[in-house]
Amino acid sequence: MHRTIAAAITALALPVAAQSTPAANYTDLWYLPAESGWGVSFSQHAGSNQVFAVWYTYDPRQPDAANPGRYKPLWIVMPGGTWISPTTVQGAAFVTNGQPLGPSTKQTQIGTFTFSFSGTSNGTFTYSISPPAGLPPSDPAYGLPAFFGTKAITRQAF
């Protein structure tokens, strides 16, 4: 009887333990081939199951005067994503500002990222961006509109 109970407890505990261990190494560049100009750099940290991701996109607040109809780059970072299942990682998303090649002087949490992988070469990227209200003009998230969506992503083949 004790062995049966121990086996049942172990069987229930194994899926919970697996929740924090990634199914594969997804470290790479990811994008949607049909939408050129943006992408995600995704990096897993060995041993900690933490993830660092950067979404390279365009800032709807910053028209590029040199290229009418286009916008300046915007990097949104997820510095501490954690695995919520073997194929899904989630974390807070931030914008930062600072000097080029210098330290960041301000960071503001603006939402969340979720990456769900259907294999080692495909997945989905879900973002929910909603900056807090009442930010001063000096804040890197000042004036950033709320936006959200889901995009299919493919590992960038080199």
N, C-alpha and C. Protein backbone atom coordinates (compact mmCIF):
# COMPACT_ATOMS: atom_id res chain seq x y z
N MET A 1 0.82 -1.18 0.00
CA MET A 1 0.00 0.00 0.00
C MET A 1 0.87 1.26 0.00
N HIS A 2 1.92 1.26 0.84
CA HIS A 2 2.79 2.43 0.91
C HIS A 2 3.50 2.67 -0.43
N ARG A 3 3.88 1.57 -1.09
CA ARG A 3 4.54 1.72 -2.40
C ARG A 3 3.59 2.31 -3.42
N THR A 4 2.33 1.93 -3.38
CA THR A 4 1.34 2.45 -4.31
C THR A 4 1.15 3.95 -4.10
N ILE A 5 1.05 4.36 -2.84
CA ILE A 5 0.89 5.79 -2.52
C ILE A 5 2.15 6.55 -2.94
N ALA A 6 3.32 6.01 -2.65
CA ALA A 6 4.57 6.68 -3.03
C ALA A 6 4.68 6.80 -4.55
N ALA A 7 4.29 5.76 -5.27
CA ALA A 7 4.33 5.80 -6.74
C ALA A 7 3.36 6.84 -7.27
N ALA A 8 2.18 6.94 -6.66
CA ALA A 8 1.18 7.93 -7.11
C ALA A 8 1.67 9.35 -6.85
N ILE A 9 2.26 9.59 -5.69
CA ILE A 9 2.79 10.92 -5.37
C ILE A 9 3.92 11.27 -6.33
N THR A 10 4.81 10.32 -6.59
CA THR A 10 5.92 10.56 -7.53
C THR A 10 5.39 10.86 -8.92
N ALA A 11 4.39 10.13 -9.36
CA ALA A 11 3.82 10.34 -10.70
C ALA A 11 3.18 11.73 -10.80
N LEU A 12 2.55 12.19 -9.73
CA LEU A 12 1.95 13.52 -9.74
C LEU A 12 3.02 14.61 -9.67
N ALA A 13 4.09 14.37 -8.97
CA ALA A 13 5.15 15.37 -8.79
C ALA A 13 6.01 15.53 -10.04
N LEU A 14 6.20 14.48 -10.82
CA LEU A 14 7.06 14.57 -12.00
C LEU A 14 6.61 15.62 -13.01
N PRO A 15 5.32 15.70 -13.38
CA PRO A 15 4.93 16.75 -14.32
C PRO A 15 5.18 18.15 -13.77
N VAL A 16 5.01 18.35 -12.46
CA VAL A 16 5.27 19.65 -11.86
C VAL A 16 6.75 19.99 -11.97
N ALA A 17 7.63 19.03 -11.69
CA ALA A 17 9.07 19.26 -11.79
C ALA A 17 9.47 19.55 -13.22
N ALA A 18 8.84 18.86 -14.18
CA ALA A 18 9.16 19.07 -15.59
C ALA A 18 8.74 20.44 -16.07
N GLN A 19 7.84 21.09 -15.35
CA GLN A 19 7.36 22.40 -15.76
C GLN A 19 8.50 23.42 -15.85
N SER A 20 9.55 23.27 -15.08
CA SER A 20 10.61 24.27 -15.07
C SER A 20 11.82 23.88 -15.92
N THR A 21 11.77 22.76 -16.61
CA THR A 21 12.89 22.31 -17.43
C THR A 21 12.52 22.40 -18.91
N PRO A 22 13.26 23.21 -19.69
CA PRO A 22 12.92 23.34 -21.11
C PRO A 22 13.11 22.02 -21.86
N ALA A 23 12.27 21.80 -22.86
CA ALA A 23 12.31 20.58 -23.66
C ALA A 23 13.51 20.56 -24.60
N ALA A 24 14.03 21.72 -24.97
CA ALA A 24 15.16 21.81 -25.91
C ALA A 24 15.87 23.13 -25.69
N ASN A 25 16.98 23.32 -26.40
CA ASN A 25 17.67 24.60 -26.37
C ASN A 25 17.14 25.44 -27.52
N TYR A 26 16.42 26.50 -27.20
CA TYR A 26 15.80 27.36 -28.20
C TYR A 26 16.63 28.62 -28.46
N THR A 27 17.82 28.70 -27.90
CA THR A 27 18.67 29.87 -28.08
C THR A 27 18.95 30.09 -29.56
N ASP A 28 18.56 31.27 -30.06
CA ASP A 28 18.79 31.61 -31.46
C ASP A 28 18.08 32.91 -31.78
N LEU A 29 18.09 33.26 -33.06
CA LEU A 29 17.31 34.38 -33.58
C LEU A 29 16.03 33.81 -34.17
N TRP A 30 14.90 34.46 -33.91
CA TRP A 30 13.59 34.01 -34.36
C TRP A 30 12.89 35.15 -35.07
N TYR A 31 12.08 34.83 -36.09
CA TYR A 31 11.37 35.86 -36.84
C TYR A 31 10.20 35.23 -37.58
N LEU A 32 9.43 36.07 -38.26
CA LEU A 32 8.35 35.63 -39.13
C LEU A 32 8.77 36.01 -40.55
N PRO A 33 9.13 35.04 -41.40
CA PRO A 33 9.66 35.35 -42.73
C PRO A 33 8.77 36.28 -43.57
N ALA A 34 7.46 36.22 -43.38
CA ALA A 34 6.56 37.06 -44.17
C ALA A 34 6.56 38.52 -43.71
N GLU A 35 7.17 38.80 -42.56
CA GLU A 35 7.22 40.16 -42.02
C GLU A 35 8.67 40.54 -41.79
N SER A 36 9.32 41.02 -42.79
CA SER A 36 10.73 41.39 -42.63
C SER A 36 10.86 42.64 -41.76
N GLY A 37 11.99 42.78 -41.12
CA GLY A 37 12.28 43.98 -40.37
C GLY A 37 12.18 43.86 -38.86
N TRP A 38 11.68 42.77 -38.35
CA TRP A 38 11.65 42.59 -36.90
C TRP A 38 12.11 41.17 -36.58
N GLY A 39 12.45 40.95 -35.33
CA GLY A 39 12.85 39.63 -34.89
C GLY A 39 13.06 39.59 -33.40
N VAL A 40 13.36 38.39 -32.91
CA VAL A 40 13.59 38.17 -31.49
C VAL A 40 14.91 37.44 -31.31
N SER A 41 15.72 37.94 -30.42
CA SER A 41 16.92 37.23 -29.98
C SER A 41 16.54 36.52 -28.68
N PHE A 42 16.72 35.20 -28.64
CA PHE A 42 16.27 34.38 -27.53
C PHE A 42 17.47 33.63 -26.97
N SER A 43 17.74 33.78 -25.69
CA SER A 43 18.92 33.16 -25.09
C SER A 43 18.56 32.49 -23.76
N GLN A 44 18.78 31.18 -23.69
CA GLN A 44 18.58 30.42 -22.46
C GLN A 44 19.88 30.42 -21.66
N HIS A 45 19.76 30.54 -20.36
CA HIS A 45 20.93 30.49 -19.48
C HIS A 45 21.06 29.08 -18.91
N ALA A 46 22.15 28.43 -19.21
CA ALA A 46 22.37 27.05 -18.77
C ALA A 46 22.35 26.97 -17.25
N GLY A 47 21.68 25.97 -16.75
CA GLY A 47 21.66 25.70 -15.33
C GLY A 47 20.62 26.47 -14.53
N SER A 48 20.18 27.63 -15.01
CA SER A 48 19.22 28.40 -14.22
C SER A 48 17.81 28.35 -14.81
N ASN A 49 17.68 27.86 -16.02
CA ASN A 49 16.40 27.83 -16.72
C ASN A 49 15.80 29.23 -16.92
N GLN A 50 16.61 30.26 -16.81
CA GLN A 50 16.19 31.63 -17.07
C GLN A 50 16.39 31.95 -18.55
N VAL A 51 15.61 32.88 -19.06
CA VAL A 51 15.68 33.27 -20.47
C VAL A 51 15.81 34.78 -20.57
N PHE A 52 16.64 35.22 -21.50
CA PHE A 52 16.76 36.63 -21.86
C PHE A 52 16.32 36.74 -23.31
N ALA A 53 15.37 37.62 -23.60
CA ALA A 53 14.90 37.81 -24.97
C ALA A 53 14.83 39.30 -25.28
N VAL A 54 15.10 39.63 -26.53
CA VAL A 54 14.98 41.01 -27.01
C VAL A 54 14.14 40.98 -28.28
N TRP A 55 13.09 41.79 -28.29
CA TRP A 55 12.27 41.96 -29.48
C TRP A 55 12.74 43.22 -30.19
N TYR A 56 13.26 43.05 -31.39
CA TYR A 56 13.70 44.15 -32.22
C TYR A 56 12.53 44.53 -33.12
N THR A 57 11.95 45.70 -32.87
CA THR A 57 10.77 46.11 -33.63
C THR A 57 10.89 47.60 -33.92
N TYR A 58 9.79 48.24 -34.24
CA TYR A 58 9.80 49.66 -34.57
C TYR A 58 8.90 50.42 -33.63
N ASP A 59 9.33 51.63 -33.27
CA ASP A 59 8.68 52.46 -32.28
C ASP A 59 7.58 53.31 -32.92
N PRO A 60 6.31 53.05 -32.62
CA PRO A 60 5.24 53.83 -33.23
C PRO A 60 5.25 55.30 -32.82
N ARG A 61 6.04 55.66 -31.80
CA ARG A 61 6.15 57.05 -31.36
C ARG A 61 7.20 57.84 -32.13
N GLN A 62 8.07 57.14 -32.87
CA GLN A 62 9.27 57.76 -33.43
C GLN A 62 9.35 57.65 -34.95
N PRO A 63 8.63 58.49 -35.71
CA PRO A 63 8.80 58.46 -37.17
C PRO A 63 10.25 58.79 -37.53
N ASP A 64 10.75 58.14 -38.55
CA ASP A 64 12.12 58.37 -39.03
C ASP A 64 12.07 59.46 -40.10
N ALA A 65 12.53 60.66 -39.75
CA ALA A 65 12.47 61.80 -40.67
C ALA A 65 13.23 61.54 -41.97
N ALA A 66 14.27 60.75 -41.92
CA ALA A 66 15.07 60.44 -43.11
C ALA A 66 14.37 59.45 -44.04
N ASN A 67 13.39 58.72 -43.52
CA ASN A 67 12.67 57.70 -44.30
C ASN A 67 11.17 57.83 -44.03
N PRO A 68 10.47 58.72 -44.74
CA PRO A 68 9.04 58.92 -44.50
C PRO A 68 8.26 57.60 -44.55
N GLY A 69 7.32 57.47 -43.62
CA GLY A 69 6.51 56.27 -43.54
C GLY A 69 7.15 55.14 -42.75
N ARG A 70 8.36 55.37 -42.25
CA ARG A 70 9.06 54.35 -41.45
C ARG A 70 9.30 54.89 -40.05
N TYR A 71 9.68 53.99 -39.17
CA TYR A 71 9.86 54.36 -37.77
C TYR A 71 11.24 53.94 -37.28
N LYS A 72 11.67 54.57 -36.20
CA LYS A 72 12.97 54.24 -35.62
C LYS A 72 12.87 52.94 -34.83
N PRO A 73 14.00 52.27 -34.65
CA PRO A 73 14.00 50.99 -33.93
C PRO A 73 13.60 51.13 -32.46
N LEU A 74 13.03 50.06 -31.94
CA LEU A 74 12.67 49.95 -30.54
C LEU A 74 13.03 48.54 -30.09
N TRP A 75 13.77 48.44 -29.00
CA TRP A 75 14.10 47.15 -28.41
C TRP A 75 13.29 47.00 -27.14
N ILE A 76 12.59 45.90 -27.04
CA ILE A 76 11.84 45.58 -25.81
C ILE A 76 12.46 44.30 -25.26
N VAL A 77 12.84 44.32 -24.00
CA VAL A 77 13.59 43.20 -23.42
C VAL A 77 12.80 42.44 -22.37
N MET A 78 13.07 41.15 -22.31
CA MET A 78 12.56 40.27 -21.25
C MET A 78 13.80 39.69 -20.57
N PRO A 79 14.26 40.31 -19.47
CA PRO A 79 15.52 39.88 -18.87
C PRO A 79 15.44 38.66 -17.97
N GLY A 80 14.27 38.19 -17.62
CA GLY A 80 14.20 37.09 -16.67
C GLY A 80 13.02 36.18 -16.89
N GLY A 81 12.81 35.74 -18.12
CA GLY A 81 11.71 34.82 -18.38
C GLY A 81 11.94 33.49 -17.70
N THR A 82 10.86 32.85 -17.30
CA THR A 82 10.96 31.53 -16.67
C THR A 82 10.04 30.55 -17.38
N TRP A 83 10.44 29.31 -17.35
CA TRP A 83 9.69 28.24 -18.02
C TRP A 83 8.47 27.89 -17.19
N ILE A 84 7.28 27.97 -17.81
CA ILE A 84 6.05 27.57 -17.12
C ILE A 84 5.60 26.19 -17.58
N SER A 85 6.23 25.67 -18.63
CA SER A 85 6.08 24.29 -19.08
C SER A 85 7.35 23.97 -19.88
N PRO A 86 7.57 22.74 -20.28
CA PRO A 86 8.79 22.42 -21.03
C PRO A 86 8.91 23.14 -22.38
N THR A 87 7.80 23.68 -22.89
CA THR A 87 7.85 24.36 -24.19
C THR A 87 7.34 25.80 -24.14
N THR A 88 7.07 26.33 -22.96
CA THR A 88 6.55 27.69 -22.84
C THR A 88 7.31 28.47 -21.78
N VAL A 89 7.74 29.65 -22.16
CA VAL A 89 8.44 30.55 -21.24
C VAL A 89 7.71 31.88 -21.23
N GLN A 90 7.70 32.51 -20.05
CA GLN A 90 6.96 33.76 -19.89
C GLN A 90 7.76 34.70 -19.00
N GLY A 91 7.61 36.01 -19.25
CA GLY A 91 8.31 36.96 -18.40
C GLY A 91 7.86 38.39 -18.64
N ALA A 92 8.28 39.27 -17.75
CA ALA A 92 7.97 40.69 -17.84
C ALA A 92 8.80 41.33 -18.95
N ALA A 93 8.19 42.29 -19.64
CA ALA A 93 8.86 43.01 -20.73
C ALA A 93 9.12 44.45 -20.30
N PHE A 94 10.28 44.98 -20.71
CA PHE A 94 10.72 46.32 -20.29
C PHE A 94 11.23 47.10 -21.49
N VAL A 95 11.13 48.43 -21.40
CA VAL A 95 11.88 49.32 -22.29
C VAL A 95 12.90 50.03 -21.43
N THR A 96 14.02 50.38 -22.04
CA THR A 96 15.10 51.05 -21.32
C THR A 96 15.58 52.25 -22.12
N ASN A 97 16.31 53.11 -21.47
CA ASN A 97 17.03 54.16 -22.18
C ASN A 97 18.39 54.34 -21.54
N GLY A 98 19.27 55.02 -22.23
CA GLY A 98 20.62 55.23 -21.73
C GLY A 98 21.50 55.73 -22.85
N GLN A 99 22.78 55.66 -22.64
CA GLN A 99 23.75 56.10 -23.64
C GLN A 99 24.10 54.93 -24.56
N PRO A 100 24.37 55.22 -25.84
CA PRO A 100 24.85 54.13 -26.70
C PRO A 100 26.12 53.51 -26.10
N LEU A 101 26.13 52.20 -26.02
CA LEU A 101 27.24 51.42 -25.47
C LEU A 101 27.53 51.76 -24.02
N GLY A 102 26.58 52.39 -23.35
CA GLY A 102 26.75 52.73 -21.94
C GLY A 102 25.70 52.06 -21.10
N PRO A 103 25.70 52.33 -19.83
CA PRO A 103 24.72 51.69 -18.94
C PRO A 103 23.31 52.25 -19.17
N SER A 104 22.34 51.41 -18.93
CA SER A 104 20.95 51.85 -19.00
C SER A 104 20.70 52.77 -17.81
N THR A 105 19.97 53.84 -18.03
CA THR A 105 19.71 54.75 -16.93
C THR A 105 18.31 54.60 -16.36
N LYS A 106 17.40 54.01 -17.13
CA LYS A 106 16.02 53.86 -16.67
C LYS A 106 15.40 52.66 -17.38
N GLN A 107 14.65 51.87 -16.65
CA GLN A 107 13.89 50.78 -17.25
C GLN A 107 12.48 50.82 -16.69
N THR A 108 11.52 50.51 -17.55
CA THR A 108 10.12 50.53 -17.16
C THR A 108 9.44 49.27 -17.65
N GLN A 109 8.77 48.57 -16.73
CA GLN A 109 8.02 47.39 -17.14
C GLN A 109 6.79 47.86 -17.91
N ILE A 110 6.60 47.26 -19.09
CA ILE A 110 5.50 47.68 -19.95
C ILE A 110 4.56 46.54 -20.33
N GLY A 111 4.85 45.33 -19.90
CA GLY A 111 3.98 44.21 -20.25
C GLY A 111 4.64 42.87 -20.08
N THR A 112 4.21 41.91 -20.91
CA THR A 112 4.74 40.55 -20.81
C THR A 112 4.98 39.95 -22.19
N PHE A 113 5.87 38.97 -22.21
CA PHE A 113 6.12 38.14 -23.39
C PHE A 113 5.83 36.69 -23.00
N THR A 114 5.32 35.93 -23.96
CA THR A 114 5.19 34.49 -23.81
C THR A 114 5.67 33.85 -25.10
N PHE A 115 6.55 32.87 -24.99
CA PHE A 115 7.04 32.11 -26.14
C PHE A 115 6.59 30.67 -25.94
N SER A 116 5.89 30.13 -26.92
CA SER A 116 5.45 28.73 -26.89
C SER A 116 6.02 28.05 -28.12
N PHE A 117 6.80 27.02 -27.91
CA PHE A 117 7.47 26.33 -29.01
C PHE A 117 6.75 25.04 -29.36
N SER A 118 6.51 24.83 -30.67
CA SER A 118 5.87 23.61 -31.14
C SER A 118 6.90 22.62 -31.66
N GLY A 119 8.15 23.01 -31.65
CA GLY A 119 9.27 22.18 -32.08
C GLY A 119 10.54 23.02 -31.95
N THR A 120 11.65 22.50 -32.41
CA THR A 120 12.90 23.25 -32.27
C THR A 120 13.07 24.32 -33.34
N SER A 121 12.16 24.39 -34.31
CA SER A 121 12.27 25.40 -35.37
C SER A 121 11.04 26.29 -35.50
N ASN A 122 10.00 26.06 -34.72
CA ASN A 122 8.76 26.84 -34.84
C ASN A 122 8.14 27.10 -33.49
N GLY A 123 7.39 28.19 -33.42
CA GLY A 123 6.69 28.51 -32.19
C GLY A 123 5.80 29.72 -32.38
N THR A 124 5.31 30.24 -31.27
CA THR A 124 4.53 31.47 -31.28
C THR A 124 5.08 32.42 -30.24
N PHE A 125 4.99 33.69 -30.56
CA PHE A 125 5.44 34.77 -29.70
C PHE A 125 4.21 35.62 -29.40
N THR A 126 3.84 35.69 -28.13
CA THR A 126 2.70 36.49 -27.71
C THR A 126 3.21 37.64 -26.86
N TYR A 127 2.76 38.84 -27.20
CA TYR A 127 3.18 40.03 -26.47
C TYR A 127 1.95 40.81 -26.03
N SER A 128 2.05 41.38 -24.85
CA SER A 128 1.00 42.24 -24.31
C SER A 128 1.70 43.45 -23.73
N ILE A 129 1.59 44.57 -24.44
CA ILE A 129 2.28 45.80 -24.06
C ILE A 129 1.25 46.81 -23.59
N SER A 130 1.39 47.27 -22.36
CA SER A 130 0.48 48.26 -21.79
C SER A 130 1.24 49.06 -20.74
N PRO A 131 1.92 50.13 -21.18
CA PRO A 131 2.71 50.93 -20.23
C PRO A 131 1.84 51.52 -19.12
N PRO A 132 2.42 51.71 -17.95
CA PRO A 132 1.66 52.30 -16.85
C PRO A 132 1.29 53.75 -17.16
N ALA A 133 0.20 54.21 -16.58
CA ALA A 133 -0.26 55.59 -16.76
C ALA A 133 0.59 56.53 -15.90
N GLY A 134 0.58 57.80 -16.30
CA GLY A 134 1.20 58.83 -15.48
C GLY A 134 2.71 58.90 -15.53
N LEU A 135 3.32 58.37 -16.58
CA LEU A 135 4.79 58.40 -16.67
C LEU A 135 5.28 59.80 -17.04
N PRO A 136 6.42 60.22 -16.49
CA PRO A 136 6.97 61.52 -16.88
C PRO A 136 7.59 61.43 -18.28
N PRO A 137 7.71 62.56 -18.98
CA PRO A 137 8.29 62.55 -20.32
C PRO A 137 9.71 61.98 -20.40
N SER A 138 10.43 61.95 -19.29
CA SER A 138 11.79 61.40 -19.29
C SER A 138 11.82 59.87 -19.25
N ASP A 139 10.67 59.24 -19.02
CA ASP A 139 10.60 57.78 -18.92
C ASP A 139 10.65 57.17 -20.32
N PRO A 140 11.39 56.05 -20.50
CA PRO A 140 11.48 55.43 -21.83
C PRO A 140 10.16 54.90 -22.37
N ALA A 141 9.16 54.70 -21.51
CA ALA A 141 7.86 54.21 -21.95
C ALA A 141 6.84 55.33 -22.15
N TYR A 142 7.23 56.56 -21.89
CA TYR A 142 6.31 57.69 -22.01
C TYR A 142 5.73 57.76 -23.43
N GLY A 143 4.42 57.78 -23.51
CA GLY A 143 3.75 57.91 -24.80
C GLY A 143 3.66 56.63 -25.63
N LEU A 144 4.23 55.55 -25.14
CA LEU A 144 4.14 54.28 -25.88
C LEU A 144 2.71 53.76 -25.81
N PRO A 145 2.08 53.50 -26.95
CA PRO A 145 0.70 53.02 -26.90
C PRO A 145 0.63 51.55 -26.46
N ALA A 146 -0.53 51.16 -26.00
CA ALA A 146 -0.76 49.74 -25.67
C ALA A 146 -0.97 48.98 -26.98
N PHE A 147 -0.40 47.79 -27.06
CA PHE A 147 -0.63 46.91 -28.22
C PHE A 147 -0.36 45.48 -27.80
N PHE A 148 -0.97 44.56 -28.49
CA PHE A 148 -0.82 43.15 -28.14
C PHE A 148 -1.04 42.31 -29.38
N GLY A 149 -0.57 41.07 -29.33
CA GLY A 149 -0.77 40.17 -30.45
C GLY A 149 0.00 38.88 -30.29
N THR A 150 -0.15 38.02 -31.27
CA THR A 150 0.54 36.75 -31.34
C THR A 150 1.10 36.59 -32.74
N LYS A 151 2.36 36.19 -32.83
CA LYS A 151 3.00 36.00 -34.13
C LYS A 151 3.63 34.60 -34.17
N ALA A 152 3.49 33.97 -35.32
CA ALA A 152 4.22 32.72 -35.54
C ALA A 152 5.69 33.09 -35.69
N ILE A 153 6.57 32.29 -35.12
CA ILE A 153 8.00 32.55 -35.27
C ILE A 153 8.71 31.30 -35.78
N THR A 154 9.77 31.56 -36.52
CA THR A 154 10.60 30.50 -37.10
C THR A 154 12.04 30.78 -36.72
N ARG A 155 12.76 29.73 -36.41
CA ARG A 155 14.19 29.87 -36.11
C ARG A 155 14.90 30.36 -37.37
N GLN A 156 15.74 31.37 -37.21
CA GLN A 156 16.49 31.94 -38.34
C GLN A 156 17.58 30.97 -38.76
N ALA A 157 17.49 30.48 -39.98
CA ALA A 157 18.50 29.55 -40.48
C ALA A 157 19.67 30.34 -41.08
N PHE A 158 20.86 29.96 -40.72
CA PHE A 158 22.05 30.62 -41.27
C PHE A 158 22.78 29.67 -42.17
